[in-house]
Amino acid sequence: MNVIIFNVLQIISKMQFILTGYDAKDNTAIDRRMAVRGDHLENVKNLKKSGNFIWGGAILDDEGTMAGSVIVYEFESREELSEMLKTEPYILGGVWENVDIQGFKLANI
């Protein structure tokens, strides 16, 4: 019984965050995105396995070209999310020019 209660409390204590990353607008922005996209997707796969990635995808411009990303993460704290983002290929590769992170609560429906 204590194990079940501990597991429920552990789940409740996690926080969700929505990240919106807007790509740079220069002429080589899409080239930078494509150069590190495989690394980004591999990172997301690992985050999904660990339970830290909830859902996400690319933002498209009017022509259907990738222009940013929206991702919902789940971590114990904002600090833990910030630590993970230090290894995010789209940040390290200069793809995302602006990043907005807000607390989030996914509807349980």
PDB file of N, CA and C in Angstrom:
ATOM      1  N   MET A   1       0.814  -1.200   0.000  1.00  0.00           N
ATOM      2  CA  MET A   1       0.000   0.000   0.000  1.00  0.00           C
ATOM      3  C   MET A   1       0.856   1.262   0.000  1.00  0.00           C
ATOM      4  N   ASN A   2       1.907   1.305   0.781  1.00  0.00           N
ATOM      5  CA  ASN A   2       2.781   2.472   0.813  1.00  0.00           C
ATOM      6  C   ASN A   2       3.449   2.714  -0.533  1.00  0.00           C
ATOM      7  N   VAL A   3       3.791   1.652  -1.221  1.00  0.00           N
ATOM      8  CA  VAL A   3       4.433   1.791  -2.528  1.00  0.00           C
ATOM      9  C   VAL A   3       3.485   2.460  -3.506  1.00  0.00           C
ATOM     10  N   ILE A   4       2.233   2.064  -3.495  1.00  0.00           N
ATOM     11  CA  ILE A   4       1.233   2.663  -4.389  1.00  0.00           C
ATOM     12  C   ILE A   4       1.067   4.141  -4.068  1.00  0.00           C
ATOM     13  N   ILE A   5       0.963   4.482  -2.812  1.00  0.00           N
ATOM     14  CA  ILE A   5       0.810   5.884  -2.430  1.00  0.00           C
ATOM     15  C   ILE A   5       2.043   6.671  -2.863  1.00  0.00           C
ATOM     16  N   PHE A   6       3.231   6.119  -2.637  1.00  0.00           N
ATOM     17  CA  PHE A   6       4.461   6.806  -3.031  1.00  0.00           C
ATOM     18  C   PHE A   6       4.469   7.047  -4.539  1.00  0.00           C
ATOM     19  N   ASN A   7       4.098   6.044  -5.328  1.00  0.00           N
ATOM     20  CA  ASN A   7       4.093   6.195  -6.783  1.00  0.00           C
ATOM     21  C   ASN A   7       3.095   7.244  -7.239  1.00  0.00           C
ATOM     22  N   VAL A   8       1.924   7.303  -6.629  1.00  0.00           N
ATOM     23  CA  VAL A   8       0.932   8.319  -6.980  1.00  0.00           C
ATOM     24  C   VAL A   8       1.466   9.703  -6.645  1.00  0.00           C
ATOM     25  N   LEU A   9       2.073   9.864  -5.481  1.00  0.00           N
ATOM     26  CA  LEU A   9       2.624  11.162  -5.105  1.00  0.00           C
ATOM     27  C   LEU A   9       3.771  11.561  -6.027  1.00  0.00           C
ATOM     28  N   GLN A  10       4.557  10.592  -6.447  1.00  0.00           N
ATOM     29  CA  GLN A  10       5.650  10.872  -7.354  1.00  0.00           C
ATOM     30  C   GLN A  10       5.118  11.398  -8.689  1.00  0.00           C
ATOM     31  N   ILE A  11       4.068  10.807  -9.207  1.00  0.00           N
ATOM     32  CA  ILE A  11       3.460  11.239 -10.473  1.00  0.00           C
ATOM     33  C   ILE A  11       2.884  12.642 -10.323  1.00  0.00           C
ATOM     34  N   ILE A  12       2.186  12.886  -9.202  1.00  0.00           N
ATOM     35  CA  ILE A  12       1.556  14.185  -8.981  1.00  0.00           C
ATOM     36  C   ILE A  12       2.599  15.287  -8.879  1.00  0.00           C
ATOM     37  N   SER A  13       3.774  14.978  -8.340  1.00  0.00           N
ATOM     38  CA  SER A  13       4.783  16.004  -8.100  1.00  0.00           C
ATOM     39  C   SER A  13       5.488  16.470  -9.374  1.00  0.00           C
ATOM     40  N   LYS A  14       5.352  15.742 -10.468  1.00  0.00           N
ATOM     41  CA  LYS A  14       5.999  16.165 -11.711  1.00  0.00           C
ATOM     42  C   LYS A  14       5.274  17.372 -12.287  1.00  0.00           C
ATOM     43  N   MET A  15       6.062  18.202 -12.972  1.00  0.00           N
ATOM     44  CA  MET A  15       5.520  19.414 -13.565  1.00  0.00           C
ATOM     45  C   MET A  15       5.600  19.306 -15.078  1.00  0.00           C
ATOM     46  N   GLN A  16       4.615  19.864 -15.746  1.00  0.00           N
ATOM     47  CA  GLN A  16       4.619  19.896 -17.201  1.00  0.00           C
ATOM     48  C   GLN A  16       4.943  21.307 -17.675  1.00  0.00           C
ATOM     49  N   PHE A  17       5.634  21.364 -18.809  1.00  0.00           N
ATOM     50  CA  PHE A  17       6.045  22.634 -19.394  1.00  0.00           C
ATOM     51  C   PHE A  17       5.798  22.575 -20.891  1.00  0.00           C
ATOM     52  N   ILE A  18       5.345  23.698 -21.443  1.00  0.00           N
ATOM     53  CA  ILE A  18       5.216  23.789 -22.895  1.00  0.00           C
ATOM     54  C   ILE A  18       6.308  24.732 -23.398  1.00  0.00           C
ATOM     55  N   LEU A  19       7.092  24.221 -24.324  1.00  0.00           N
ATOM     56  CA  LEU A  19       8.170  24.995 -24.934  1.00  0.00           C
ATOM     57  C   LEU A  19       7.744  25.352 -26.350  1.00  0.00           C
ATOM     58  N   THR A  20       7.867  26.617 -26.680  1.00  0.00           N
ATOM     59  CA  THR A  20       7.672  27.063 -28.049  1.00  0.00           C
ATOM     60  C   THR A  20       8.989  27.669 -28.506  1.00  0.00           C
ATOM     61  N   GLY A  21       9.600  27.027 -29.482  1.00  0.00           N
ATOM     62  CA  GLY A  21      10.870  27.501 -30.025  1.00  0.00           C
ATOM     63  C   GLY A  21      10.640  28.055 -31.418  1.00  0.00           C
ATOM     64  N   TYR A  22      11.012  29.316 -31.605  1.00  0.00           N
ATOM     65  CA  TYR A  22      10.832  29.970 -32.899  1.00  0.00           C
ATOM     66  C   TYR A  22      12.174  30.002 -33.627  1.00  0.00           C
ATOM     67  N   ASP A  23      12.195  29.460 -34.834  1.00  0.00           N
ATOM     68  CA  ASP A  23      13.426  29.419 -35.616  1.00  0.00           C
ATOM     69  C   ASP A  23      13.889  30.821 -36.010  1.00  0.00           C
ATOM     70  N   ALA A  24      15.205  30.940 -36.180  1.00  0.00           N
ATOM     71  CA  ALA A  24      15.771  32.175 -36.715  1.00  0.00           C
ATOM     72  C   ALA A  24      15.208  32.410 -38.117  1.00  0.00           C
ATOM     73  N   LYS A  25      15.258  33.631 -38.571  1.00  0.00           N
ATOM     74  CA  LYS A  25      14.652  34.004 -39.861  1.00  0.00           C
ATOM     75  C   LYS A  25      15.674  34.224 -40.970  1.00  0.00           C
ATOM     76  N   ASP A  26      16.960  34.018 -40.679  1.00  0.00           N
ATOM     77  CA  ASP A  26      17.972  34.280 -41.705  1.00  0.00           C
ATOM     78  C   ASP A  26      17.922  33.218 -42.807  1.00  0.00           C
ATOM     79  N   ASN A  27      18.682  33.449 -43.879  1.00  0.00           N
ATOM     80  CA  ASN A  27      18.636  32.582 -45.065  1.00  0.00           C
ATOM     81  C   ASN A  27      19.152  31.171 -44.823  1.00  0.00           C
ATOM     82  N   THR A  28      19.938  30.960 -43.782  1.00  0.00           N
ATOM     83  CA  THR A  28      20.500  29.620 -43.531  1.00  0.00           C
ATOM     84  C   THR A  28      19.818  28.922 -42.357  1.00  0.00           C
ATOM     85  N   ALA A  29      18.738  29.488 -41.849  1.00  0.00           N
ATOM     86  CA  ALA A  29      18.058  28.906 -40.685  1.00  0.00           C
ATOM     87  C   ALA A  29      17.565  27.483 -40.963  1.00  0.00           C
ATOM     88  N   ILE A  30      16.937  27.272 -42.089  1.00  0.00           N
ATOM     89  CA  ILE A  30      16.407  25.935 -42.397  1.00  0.00           C
ATOM     90  C   ILE A  30      17.556  24.937 -42.596  1.00  0.00           C
ATOM     91  N   ASP A  31      18.675  25.399 -43.124  1.00  0.00           N
ATOM     92  CA  ASP A  31      19.840  24.518 -43.278  1.00  0.00           C
ATOM     93  C   ASP A  31      20.371  24.076 -41.919  1.00  0.00           C
ATOM     94  N   ARG A  32      20.413  25.003 -40.948  1.00  0.00           N
ATOM     95  CA  ARG A  32      20.858  24.646 -39.594  1.00  0.00           C
ATOM     96  C   ARG A  32      19.893  23.650 -38.963  1.00  0.00           C
ATOM     97  N   ARG A  33      18.600  23.883 -39.166  1.00  0.00           N
ATOM     98  CA  ARG A  33      17.597  22.959 -38.625  1.00  0.00           C
ATOM     99  C   ARG A  33      17.797  21.559 -39.182  1.00  0.00           C
ATOM    100  N   MET A  34      17.926  21.461 -40.491  1.00  0.00           N
ATOM    101  CA  MET A  34      18.049  20.150 -41.117  1.00  0.00           C
ATOM    102  C   MET A  34      19.365  19.459 -40.744  1.00  0.00           C
ATOM    103  N   ALA A  35      20.413  20.246 -40.497  1.00  0.00           N
ATOM    104  CA  ALA A  35      21.718  19.677 -40.144  1.00  0.00           C
ATOM    105  C   ALA A  35      21.690  18.971 -38.789  1.00  0.00           C
ATOM    106  N   VAL A  36      20.853  19.456 -37.861  1.00  0.00           N
ATOM    107  CA  VAL A  36      20.818  18.859 -36.516  1.00  0.00           C
ATOM    108  C   VAL A  36      19.488  18.147 -36.217  1.00  0.00           C
ATOM    109  N   ARG A  37      18.619  18.072 -37.206  1.00  0.00           N
ATOM    110  CA  ARG A  37      17.289  17.481 -36.987  1.00  0.00           C
ATOM    111  C   ARG A  37      17.381  16.029 -36.520  1.00  0.00           C
ATOM    112  N   GLY A  38      18.257  15.250 -37.107  1.00  0.00           N
ATOM    113  CA  GLY A  38      18.410  13.858 -36.692  1.00  0.00           C
ATOM    114  C   GLY A  38      18.813  13.752 -35.230  1.00  0.00           C
ATOM    115  N   ASP A  39      19.742  14.603 -34.792  1.00  0.00           N
ATOM    116  CA  ASP A  39      20.164  14.615 -33.382  1.00  0.00           C
ATOM    117  C   ASP A  39      19.010  15.045 -32.479  1.00  0.00           C
ATOM    118  N   HIS A  40      18.248  16.046 -32.930  1.00  0.00           N
ATOM    119  CA  HIS A  40      17.089  16.509 -32.158  1.00  0.00           C
ATOM    120  C   HIS A  40      16.071  15.377 -31.991  1.00  0.00           C
ATOM    121  N   LEU A  41      15.759  14.683 -33.077  1.00  0.00           N
ATOM    122  CA  LEU A  41      14.765  13.602 -33.012  1.00  0.00           C
ATOM    123  C   LEU A  41      15.255  12.438 -32.158  1.00  0.00           C
ATOM    124  N   GLU A  42      16.536  12.141 -32.207  1.00  0.00           N
ATOM    125  CA  GLU A  42      17.108  11.095 -31.350  1.00  0.00           C
ATOM    126  C   GLU A  42      16.986  11.497 -29.877  1.00  0.00           C
ATOM    127  N   ASN A  43      17.248  12.758 -29.599  1.00  0.00           N
ATOM    128  CA  ASN A  43      17.103  13.284 -28.242  1.00  0.00           C
ATOM    129  C   ASN A  43      15.654  13.146 -27.771  1.00  0.00           C
ATOM    130  N   VAL A  44      14.716  13.487 -28.641  1.00  0.00           N
ATOM    131  CA  VAL A  44      13.290  13.382 -28.303  1.00  0.00           C
ATOM    132  C   VAL A  44      12.909  11.920 -28.046  1.00  0.00           C
ATOM    133  N   LYS A  45      13.421  11.001 -28.851  1.00  0.00           N
ATOM    134  CA  LYS A  45      13.138   9.572 -28.631  1.00  0.00           C
ATOM    135  C   LYS A  45      13.593   9.134 -27.248  1.00  0.00           C
ATOM    136  N   ASN A  46      14.779   9.581 -26.847  1.00  0.00           N
ATOM    137  CA  ASN A  46      15.292   9.229 -25.523  1.00  0.00           C
ATOM    138  C   ASN A  46      14.456   9.856 -24.413  1.00  0.00           C
ATOM    139  N   LEU A  47      14.016  11.095 -24.626  1.00  0.00           N
ATOM    140  CA  LEU A  47      13.163  11.760 -23.638  1.00  0.00           C
ATOM    141  C   LEU A  47      11.799  11.071 -23.539  1.00  0.00           C
ATOM    142  N   LYS A  48      11.298  10.566 -24.648  1.00  0.00           N
ATOM    143  CA  LYS A  48      10.034   9.827 -24.623  1.00  0.00           C
ATOM    144  C   LYS A  48      10.194   8.543 -23.814  1.00  0.00           C
ATOM    145  N   LYS A  49      11.303   7.829 -24.026  1.00  0.00           N
ATOM    146  CA  LYS A  49      11.555   6.599 -23.278  1.00  0.00           C
ATOM    147  C   LYS A  49      11.638   6.853 -21.784  1.00  0.00           C
ATOM    148  N   SER A  50      12.202   7.997 -21.397  1.00  0.00           N
ATOM    149  CA  SER A  50      12.351   8.318 -19.975  1.00  0.00           C
ATOM    150  C   SER A  50      11.088   8.934 -19.387  1.00  0.00           C
ATOM    151  N   GLY A  51      10.071   9.206 -20.233  1.00  0.00           N
ATOM    152  CA  GLY A  51       8.820   9.782 -19.751  1.00  0.00           C
ATOM    153  C   GLY A  51       8.827  11.292 -19.660  1.00  0.00           C
ATOM    154  N   ASN A  52       9.870  11.950 -20.180  1.00  0.00           N
ATOM    155  CA  ASN A  52       9.961  13.408 -20.097  1.00  0.00           C
ATOM    156  C   ASN A  52       9.349  14.131 -21.291  1.00  0.00           C
ATOM    157  N   PHE A  53       9.153  13.434 -22.407  1.00  0.00           N
ATOM    158  CA  PHE A  53       8.525  14.014 -23.597  1.00  0.00           C
ATOM    159  C   PHE A  53       7.072  13.552 -23.627  1.00  0.00           C
ATOM    160  N   ILE A  54       6.133  14.506 -23.676  1.00  0.00           N
ATOM    161  CA  ILE A  54       4.700  14.179 -23.727  1.00  0.00           C
ATOM    162  C   ILE A  54       4.213  14.211 -25.178  1.00  0.00           C
ATOM    163  N   TRP A  55       4.385  15.327 -25.849  1.00  0.00           N
ATOM    164  CA  TRP A  55       4.057  15.433 -27.273  1.00  0.00           C
ATOM    165  C   TRP A  55       4.735  16.663 -27.852  1.00  0.00           C
ATOM    166  N   GLY A  56       4.772  16.730 -29.158  1.00  0.00           N
ATOM    167  CA  GLY A  56       5.374  17.892 -29.798  1.00  0.00           C
ATOM    168  C   GLY A  56       5.363  17.763 -31.301  1.00  0.00           C
ATOM    169  N   GLY A  57       5.811  18.833 -31.937  1.00  0.00           N
ATOM    170  CA  GLY A  57       5.876  18.838 -33.390  1.00  0.00           C
ATOM    171  C   GLY A  57       6.379  20.168 -33.901  1.00  0.00           C
ATOM    172  N   ALA A  58       6.464  20.258 -35.220  1.00  0.00           N
ATOM    173  CA  ALA A  58       6.984  21.458 -35.879  1.00  0.00           C
ATOM    174  C   ALA A  58       5.879  22.477 -36.113  1.00  0.00           C
ATOM    175  N   ILE A  59       6.237  23.735 -35.982  1.00  0.00           N
ATOM    176  CA  ILE A  59       5.399  24.857 -36.401  1.00  0.00           C
ATOM    177  C   ILE A  59       5.712  25.090 -37.875  1.00  0.00           C
ATOM    178  N   LEU A  60       4.690  25.252 -38.679  1.00  0.00           N
ATOM    179  CA  LEU A  60       4.877  25.483 -40.120  1.00  0.00           C
ATOM    180  C   LEU A  60       4.503  26.913 -40.485  1.00  0.00           C
ATOM    181  N   ASP A  61       5.248  27.489 -41.428  1.00  0.00           N
ATOM    182  CA  ASP A  61       4.875  28.808 -41.934  1.00  0.00           C
ATOM    183  C   ASP A  61       3.807  28.648 -43.020  1.00  0.00           C
ATOM    184  N   ASP A  62       3.415  29.730 -43.648  1.00  0.00           N
ATOM    185  CA  ASP A  62       2.345  29.697 -44.657  1.00  0.00           C
ATOM    186  C   ASP A  62       2.681  28.840 -45.875  1.00  0.00           C
ATOM    187  N   GLU A  63       3.965  28.617 -46.124  1.00  0.00           N
ATOM    188  CA  GLU A  63       4.388  27.778 -47.248  1.00  0.00           C
ATOM    189  C   GLU A  63       4.580  26.321 -46.843  1.00  0.00           C
ATOM    190  N   GLY A  64       4.363  26.009 -45.572  1.00  0.00           N
ATOM    191  CA  GLY A  64       4.532  24.641 -45.093  1.00  0.00           C
ATOM    192  C   GLY A  64       5.957  24.297 -44.696  1.00  0.00           C
ATOM    193  N   THR A  65       6.807  25.297 -44.588  1.00  0.00           N
ATOM    194  CA  THR A  65       8.199  25.088 -44.170  1.00  0.00           C
ATOM    195  C   THR A  65       8.280  25.140 -42.648  1.00  0.00           C
ATOM    196  N   MET A  66       9.089  24.247 -42.068  1.00  0.00           N
ATOM    197  CA  MET A  66       9.254  24.248 -40.618  1.00  0.00           C
ATOM    198  C   MET A  66       9.838  25.580 -40.163  1.00  0.00           C
ATOM    199  N   ALA A  67       9.204  26.177 -39.149  1.00  0.00           N
ATOM    200  CA  ALA A  67       9.602  27.502 -38.677  1.00  0.00           C
ATOM    201  C   ALA A  67       9.738  27.561 -37.164  1.00  0.00           C
ATOM    202  N   GLY A  68       9.584  26.435 -36.507  1.00  0.00           N
ATOM    203  CA  GLY A  68       9.677  26.401 -35.054  1.00  0.00           C
ATOM    204  C   GLY A  68       9.182  25.076 -34.532  1.00  0.00           C
ATOM    205  N   SER A  69       9.055  25.006 -33.217  1.00  0.00           N
ATOM    206  CA  SER A  69       8.640  23.761 -32.562  1.00  0.00           C
ATOM    207  C   SER A  69       7.776  24.067 -31.352  1.00  0.00           C
ATOM    208  N   VAL A  70       6.883  23.137 -31.043  1.00  0.00           N
ATOM    209  CA  VAL A  70       6.118  23.160 -29.802  1.00  0.00           C
ATOM    210  C   VAL A  70       6.298  21.788 -29.166  1.00  0.00           C
ATOM    211  N   ILE A  71       6.718  21.780 -27.901  1.00  0.00           N
ATOM    212  CA  ILE A  71       6.962  20.522 -27.197  1.00  0.00           C
ATOM    213  C   ILE A  71       6.415  20.632 -25.783  1.00  0.00           C
ATOM    214  N   VAL A  72       5.744  19.589 -25.331  1.00  0.00           N
ATOM    215  CA  VAL A  72       5.332  19.499 -23.928  1.00  0.00           C
ATOM    216  C   VAL A  72       6.240  18.486 -23.247  1.00  0.00           C
ATOM    217  N   TYR A  73       6.912  18.948 -22.205  1.00  0.00           N
ATOM    218  CA  TYR A  73       7.815  18.123 -21.400  1.00  0.00           C
ATOM    219  C   TYR A  73       7.217  17.908 -20.021  1.00  0.00           C
ATOM    220  N   GLU A  74       7.704  16.867 -19.341  1.00  0.00           N
ATOM    221  CA  GLU A  74       7.335  16.641 -17.943  1.00  0.00           C
ATOM    222  C   GLU A  74       8.614  16.329 -17.164  1.00  0.00           C
ATOM    223  N   PHE A  75       8.891  17.143 -16.157  1.00  0.00           N
ATOM    224  CA  PHE A  75      10.079  16.999 -15.331  1.00  0.00           C
ATOM    225  C   PHE A  75       9.728  17.249 -13.876  1.00  0.00           C
ATOM    226  N   GLU A  76      10.623  16.877 -12.994  1.00  0.00           N
ATOM    227  CA  GLU A  76      10.440  17.114 -11.562  1.00  0.00           C
ATOM    228  C   GLU A  76      10.440  18.609 -11.248  1.00  0.00           C
ATOM    229  N   SER A  77      11.209  19.397 -12.031  1.00  0.00           N
ATOM    230  CA  SER A  77      11.327  20.827 -11.744  1.00  0.00           C
ATOM    231  C   SER A  77      11.730  21.582 -13.003  1.00  0.00           C
ATOM    232  N   ARG A  78      11.587  22.881 -12.951  1.00  0.00           N
ATOM    233  CA  ARG A  78      12.021  23.757 -14.044  1.00  0.00           C
ATOM    234  C   ARG A  78      13.546  23.662 -14.200  1.00  0.00           C
ATOM    235  N   GLU A  79      14.234  23.511 -13.083  1.00  0.00           N
ATOM    236  CA  GLU A  79      15.695  23.396 -13.109  1.00  0.00           C
ATOM    237  C   GLU A  79      16.126  22.146 -13.880  1.00  0.00           C
ATOM    238  N   GLU A  80      15.411  21.038 -13.681  1.00  0.00           N
ATOM    239  CA  GLU A  80      15.723  19.803 -14.403  1.00  0.00           C
ATOM    240  C   GLU A  80      15.500  19.988 -15.898  1.00  0.00           C
ATOM    241  N   LEU A  81      14.433  20.662 -16.264  1.00  0.00           N
ATOM    242  CA  LEU A  81      14.182  20.973 -17.677  1.00  0.00           C
ATOM    243  C   LEU A  81      15.313  21.837 -18.229  1.00  0.00           C
ATOM    244  N   SER A  82      15.704  22.860 -17.487  1.00  0.00           N
ATOM    245  CA  SER A  82      16.779  23.752 -17.940  1.00  0.00           C
ATOM    246  C   SER A  82      18.082  22.994 -18.159  1.00  0.00           C
ATOM    247  N   GLU A  83      18.386  22.048 -17.287  1.00  0.00           N
ATOM    248  CA  GLU A  83      19.590  21.235 -17.448  1.00  0.00           C
ATOM    249  C   GLU A  83      19.523  20.415 -18.738  1.00  0.00           C
ATOM    250  N   MET A  84      18.370  19.816 -19.001  1.00  0.00           N
ATOM    251  CA  MET A  84      18.210  19.025 -20.218  1.00  0.00           C
ATOM    252  C   MET A  84      18.369  19.909 -21.453  1.00  0.00           C
ATOM    253  N   LEU A  85      17.840  21.117 -21.411  1.00  0.00           N
ATOM    254  CA  LEU A  85      17.902  21.996 -22.575  1.00  0.00           C
ATOM    255  C   LEU A  85      19.327  22.422 -22.919  1.00  0.00           C
ATOM    256  N   LYS A  86      20.262  22.277 -21.994  1.00  0.00           N
ATOM    257  CA  LYS A  86      21.669  22.585 -22.279  1.00  0.00           C
ATOM    258  C   LYS A  86      22.250  21.637 -23.326  1.00  0.00           C
ATOM    259  N   THR A  87      21.553  20.521 -23.581  1.00  0.00           N
ATOM    260  CA  THR A  87      22.009  19.553 -24.584  1.00  0.00           C
ATOM    261  C   THR A  87      21.081  19.478 -25.797  1.00  0.00           C
ATOM    262  N   GLU A  88      20.072  20.344 -25.854  1.00  0.00           N
ATOM    263  CA  GLU A  88      19.103  20.321 -26.965  1.00  0.00           C
ATOM    264  C   GLU A  88      19.776  20.774 -28.262  1.00  0.00           C
ATOM    265  N   PRO A  89      19.818  19.898 -29.284  1.00  0.00           N
ATOM    266  CA  PRO A  89      20.489  20.235 -30.541  1.00  0.00           C
ATOM    267  C   PRO A  89      19.965  21.492 -31.228  1.00  0.00           C
ATOM    268  N   TYR A  90      18.673  21.790 -31.118  1.00  0.00           N
ATOM    269  CA  TYR A  90      18.148  22.987 -31.773  1.00  0.00           C
ATOM    270  C   TYR A  90      18.616  24.264 -31.069  1.00  0.00           C
ATOM    271  N   ILE A  91      18.958  24.168 -29.805  1.00  0.00           N
ATOM    272  CA  ILE A  91      19.531  25.321 -29.101  1.00  0.00           C
ATOM    273  C   ILE A  91      21.016  25.417 -29.419  1.00  0.00           C
ATOM    274  N   LEU A  92      21.726  24.306 -29.255  1.00  0.00           N
ATOM    275  CA  LEU A  92      23.172  24.291 -29.512  1.00  0.00           C
ATOM    276  C   LEU A  92      23.497  24.622 -30.970  1.00  0.00           C
ATOM    277  N   GLY A  93      22.614  24.222 -31.889  1.00  0.00           N
ATOM    278  CA  GLY A  93      22.842  24.443 -33.317  1.00  0.00           C
ATOM    279  C   GLY A  93      22.365  25.779 -33.828  1.00  0.00           C
ATOM    280  N   GLY A  94      21.852  26.638 -32.944  1.00  0.00           N
ATOM    281  CA  GLY A  94      21.399  27.958 -33.361  1.00  0.00           C
ATOM    282  C   GLY A  94      20.150  27.940 -34.210  1.00  0.00           C
ATOM    283  N   VAL A  95      19.327  26.906 -34.054  1.00  0.00           N
ATOM    284  CA  VAL A  95      18.083  26.806 -34.827  1.00  0.00           C
ATOM    285  C   VAL A  95      17.016  27.707 -34.211  1.00  0.00           C
ATOM    286  N   TRP A  96      16.739  27.492 -32.920  1.00  0.00           N
ATOM    287  CA  TRP A  96      15.735  28.313 -32.238  1.00  0.00           C
ATOM    288  C   TRP A  96      16.347  29.652 -31.864  1.00  0.00           C
ATOM    289  N   GLU A  97      15.753  30.718 -32.396  1.00  0.00           N
ATOM    290  CA  GLU A  97      16.209  32.073 -32.075  1.00  0.00           C
ATOM    291  C   GLU A  97      15.578  32.566 -30.778  1.00  0.00           C
ATOM    292  N   ASN A  98      14.324  32.222 -30.574  1.00  0.00           N
ATOM    293  CA  ASN A  98      13.595  32.598 -29.356  1.00  0.00           C
ATOM    294  C   ASN A  98      12.918  31.359 -28.798  1.00  0.00           C
ATOM    295  N   VAL A  99      12.988  31.213 -27.484  1.00  0.00           N
ATOM    296  CA  VAL A  99      12.361  30.073 -26.807  1.00  0.00           C
ATOM    297  C   VAL A  99      11.507  30.610 -25.673  1.00  0.00           C
ATOM    298  N   ASP A 100      10.249  30.194 -25.662  1.00  0.00           N
ATOM    299  CA  ASP A 100       9.326  30.564 -24.592  1.00  0.00           C
ATOM    300  C   ASP A 100       8.932  29.282 -23.860  1.00  0.00           C
ATOM    301  N   ILE A 101       9.031  29.300 -22.541  1.00  0.00           N
ATOM    302  CA  ILE A 101       8.662  28.135 -21.732  1.00  0.00           C
ATOM    303  C   ILE A 101       7.650  28.589 -20.682  1.00  0.00           C
ATOM    304  N   GLN A 102       6.551  27.871 -20.634  1.00  0.00           N
ATOM    305  CA  GLN A 102       5.491  28.167 -19.673  1.00  0.00           C
ATOM    306  C   GLN A 102       5.104  26.881 -18.947  1.00  0.00           C
ATOM    307  N   GLY A 103       4.624  27.023 -17.716  1.00  0.00           N
ATOM    308  CA  GLY A 103       4.026  25.886 -17.037  1.00  0.00           C
ATOM    309  C   GLY A 103       2.805  25.444 -17.828  1.00  0.00           C
ATOM    310  N   PHE A 104       2.465  24.173 -17.746  1.00  0.00           N
ATOM    311  CA  PHE A 104       1.412  23.619 -18.579  1.00  0.00           C
ATOM    312  C   PHE A 104       0.746  22.484 -17.825  1.00  0.00           C
ATOM    313  N   LYS A 105      -0.512  22.252 -18.114  1.00  0.00           N
ATOM    314  CA  LYS A 105      -1.206  21.094 -17.561  1.00  0.00           C
ATOM    315  C   LYS A 105      -2.025  20.461 -18.672  1.00  0.00           C
ATOM    316  N   LEU A 106      -1.585  19.278 -19.102  1.00  0.00           N
ATOM    317  CA  LEU A 106      -2.281  18.552 -20.144  1.00  0.00           C
ATOM    318  C   LEU A 106      -3.613  18.052 -19.601  1.00  0.00           C
ATOM    319  N   ALA A 107      -4.680  18.274 -20.337  1.00  0.00           N
ATOM    320  CA  ALA A 107      -6.001  17.819 -19.916  1.00  0.00           C
ATOM    321  C   ALA A 107      -6.022  16.300 -19.848  1.00  0.00           C
ATOM    322  N   ASN A 108      -6.548  15.767 -18.788  1.00  0.00           N
ATOM    323  CA  ASN A 108      -6.629  14.325 -18.599  1.00  0.00           C
ATOM    324  C   ASN A 108      -7.985  13.831 -19.092  1.00  0.00           C
ATOM    325  N   ILE A 109      -8.147  13.830 -20.415  1.00  0.00           N
ATOM    326  CA  ILE A 109      -9.431  13.374 -21.005  1.00  0.00           C
ATOM    327  C   ILE A 109      -9.175  12.300 -22.041  1.00  0.00           C
TER     328      ILE A 109
END
